[in-house]
Amino acid sequence: MIDDKCGTYAGYQAHGRRGERTCAACREAQRLYMKARRAKGGPQIAREYMLNKARERAVWRLKDMHREDFDLLVADEMRVELMLARRTE
């Protein structure tokens, strides 16, 4: 859905809240926002960013190394999510 927030960081967040695929303008706005945040935040934000990227890569590697276990964990977590979603209905 395109609205007046498209092309802004708020628009990027709105897409996410609505469960939509993010448009190119909002992805670019989010990229620039995060780049500025990392630059302004100094070493702590930069380290946090690096740590998150390293964790992300480690998860992918673990998934590849232990595919069956990973699939079981995802299925288990999906059951939990479905149970929690039913509670809020």
C-alpha atoms as a PDB file:
ATOM      1  CA  MET A   1       0.000   0.000   0.000  1.00  0.00           C
ATOM      2  CA  ILE A   2       1.396   3.392  -0.959  1.00  0.00           C
ATOM      3  CA  ASP A   3       0.665   6.310   1.321  1.00  0.00           C
ATOM      4  CA  ASP A   4       2.080   9.728   2.160  1.00  0.00           C
ATOM      5  CA  LYS A   5       4.788   8.161   4.354  1.00  0.00           C
ATOM      6  CA  CYS A   6       6.379   6.221   1.479  1.00  0.00           C
ATOM      7  CA  GLY A   7       9.991   7.128   0.974  1.00  0.00           C
ATOM      8  CA  THR A   8      10.547   7.765   4.694  1.00  0.00           C
ATOM      9  CA  TYR A   9      11.761   5.694   7.623  1.00  0.00           C
ATOM     10  CA  ALA A  10       8.240   5.931   9.092  1.00  0.00           C
ATOM     11  CA  GLY A  11       6.933   4.506   5.826  1.00  0.00           C
ATOM     12  CA  TYR A  12       9.384   1.624   6.105  1.00  0.00           C
ATOM     13  CA  GLN A  13       8.103   0.872   9.604  1.00  0.00           C
ATOM     14  CA  ALA A  14       4.470   1.151   8.478  1.00  0.00           C
ATOM     15  CA  HIS A  15       5.025  -1.446   5.759  1.00  0.00           C
ATOM     16  CA  GLY A  16       6.421  -3.796   8.408  1.00  0.00           C
ATOM     17  CA  ARG A  17       3.535  -3.244  10.811  1.00  0.00           C
ATOM     18  CA  ARG A  18       1.084  -4.028   8.028  1.00  0.00           C
ATOM     19  CA  GLY A  19       3.040  -7.130   7.007  1.00  0.00           C
ATOM     20  CA  GLU A  20       3.668  -5.752   3.532  1.00  0.00           C
ATOM     21  CA  ARG A  21       6.663  -6.016   1.277  1.00  0.00           C
ATOM     22  CA  THR A  22       8.602  -2.774   1.580  1.00  0.00           C
ATOM     23  CA  CYS A  23       8.700  -0.506  -1.467  1.00  0.00           C
ATOM     24  CA  ALA A  24      12.054   0.562  -2.952  1.00  0.00           C
ATOM     25  CA  ALA A  25      11.695   4.162  -1.741  1.00  0.00           C
ATOM     26  CA  CYS A  26      11.114   3.055   1.857  1.00  0.00           C
ATOM     27  CA  ARG A  27      13.984   0.541   1.741  1.00  0.00           C
ATOM     28  CA  GLU A  28      16.281   3.332   0.593  1.00  0.00           C
ATOM     29  CA  ALA A  29      14.993   5.639   3.341  1.00  0.00           C
ATOM     30  CA  GLN A  30      15.614   2.917   5.939  1.00  0.00           C
ATOM     31  CA  ARG A  31      19.126   2.299   4.581  1.00  0.00           C
ATOM     32  CA  LEU A  32      19.993   5.993   4.822  1.00  0.00           C
ATOM     33  CA  TYR A  33      18.441   6.282   8.293  1.00  0.00           C
ATOM     34  CA  MET A  34      20.472   3.336   9.599  1.00  0.00           C
ATOM     35  CA  LYS A  35      23.657   4.623   7.959  1.00  0.00           C
ATOM     36  CA  ALA A  36      23.194   8.005   9.666  1.00  0.00           C
ATOM     37  CA  ARG A  37      22.337   6.335  12.989  1.00  0.00           C
ATOM     38  CA  ARG A  38      25.482   4.230  12.885  1.00  0.00           C
ATOM     39  CA  ALA A  39      27.607   7.278  11.995  1.00  0.00           C
ATOM     40  CA  LYS A  40      26.043   9.423  14.734  1.00  0.00           C
ATOM     41  CA  GLY A  41      26.039   6.662  17.350  1.00  0.00           C
ATOM     42  CA  GLY A  42      29.766   6.279  17.355  1.00  0.00           C
ATOM     43  CA  PRO A  43      31.731   3.155  18.152  1.00  0.00           C
ATOM     44  CA  GLN A  44      29.027   1.485  20.265  1.00  0.00           C
ATOM     45  CA  ILE A  45      26.440   1.538  17.461  1.00  0.00           C
ATOM     46  CA  ALA A  46      29.047   0.455  14.906  1.00  0.00           C
ATOM     47  CA  ARG A  47      30.077  -2.465  17.132  1.00  0.00           C
ATOM     48  CA  GLU A  48      26.428  -3.418  17.673  1.00  0.00           C
ATOM     49  CA  TYR A  49      25.915  -3.418  13.905  1.00  0.00           C
ATOM     50  CA  MET A  50      28.971  -5.600  13.344  1.00  0.00           C
ATOM     51  CA  LEU A  51      27.888  -8.003  16.094  1.00  0.00           C
ATOM     52  CA  ASN A  52      24.397  -8.325  14.604  1.00  0.00           C
ATOM     53  CA  LYS A  53      25.834  -9.037  11.151  1.00  0.00           C
ATOM     54  CA  ALA A  54      28.198 -11.656  12.611  1.00  0.00           C
ATOM     55  CA  ARG A  55      25.315 -13.303  14.493  1.00  0.00           C
ATOM     56  CA  GLU A  56      23.212 -13.349  11.345  1.00  0.00           C
ATOM     57  CA  ARG A  57      25.976 -15.094   9.405  1.00  0.00           C
ATOM     58  CA  ALA A  58      26.526 -17.558  12.281  1.00  0.00           C
ATOM     59  CA  VAL A  59      22.833 -18.491  12.294  1.00  0.00           C
ATOM     60  CA  TRP A  60      22.963 -19.195   8.558  1.00  0.00           C
ATOM     61  CA  ARG A  61      26.054 -21.349   9.011  1.00  0.00           C
ATOM     62  CA  LEU A  62      24.498 -23.267  11.911  1.00  0.00           C
ATOM     63  CA  LYS A  63      21.352 -23.773   9.860  1.00  0.00           C
ATOM     64  CA  ASP A  64      23.406 -25.255   7.038  1.00  0.00           C
ATOM     65  CA  MET A  65      25.360 -27.480   9.415  1.00  0.00           C
ATOM     66  CA  HIS A  66      22.313 -28.722  11.357  1.00  0.00           C
ATOM     67  CA  ARG A  67      19.434 -28.483   8.895  1.00  0.00           C
ATOM     68  CA  GLU A  68      17.161 -31.120  10.491  1.00  0.00           C
ATOM     69  CA  ASP A  69      17.539 -29.657  13.995  1.00  0.00           C
ATOM     70  CA  PHE A  70      16.957 -26.159  12.650  1.00  0.00           C
ATOM     71  CA  ASP A  71      13.764 -27.230  10.863  1.00  0.00           C
ATOM     72  CA  LEU A  72      12.493 -28.877  14.071  1.00  0.00           C
ATOM     73  CA  LEU A  73      13.211 -25.702  16.051  1.00  0.00           C
ATOM     74  CA  VAL A  74      11.385 -23.540  13.503  1.00  0.00           C
ATOM     75  CA  ALA A  75       8.380 -25.897  13.548  1.00  0.00           C
ATOM     76  CA  ASP A  76       8.338 -25.805  17.356  1.00  0.00           C
ATOM     77  CA  GLU A  77       8.512 -22.004  17.410  1.00  0.00           C
ATOM     78  CA  MET A  78       5.700 -21.798  14.838  1.00  0.00           C
ATOM     79  CA  ARG A  79       3.505 -23.913  17.149  1.00  0.00           C
ATOM     80  CA  VAL A  80       4.232 -21.449  19.954  1.00  0.00           C
ATOM     81  CA  GLU A  81       3.407 -18.473  17.697  1.00  0.00           C
ATOM     82  CA  LEU A  82       0.119 -20.060  16.612  1.00  0.00           C
ATOM     83  CA  MET A  83      -0.788 -20.788  20.227  1.00  0.00           C
ATOM     84  CA  LEU A  84      -0.030 -17.188  21.239  1.00  0.00           C
ATOM     85  CA  ALA A  85      -2.005 -15.840  18.271  1.00  0.00           C
ATOM     86  CA  ARG A  86      -5.044 -17.883  19.304  1.00  0.00           C
ATOM     87  CA  ARG A  87      -4.854 -16.424  22.820  1.00  0.00           C
ATOM     88  CA  THR A  88      -5.128 -12.868  21.491  1.00  0.00           C
ATOM     89  CA  GLU A  89      -8.164 -13.574  19.312  1.00  0.00           C
END
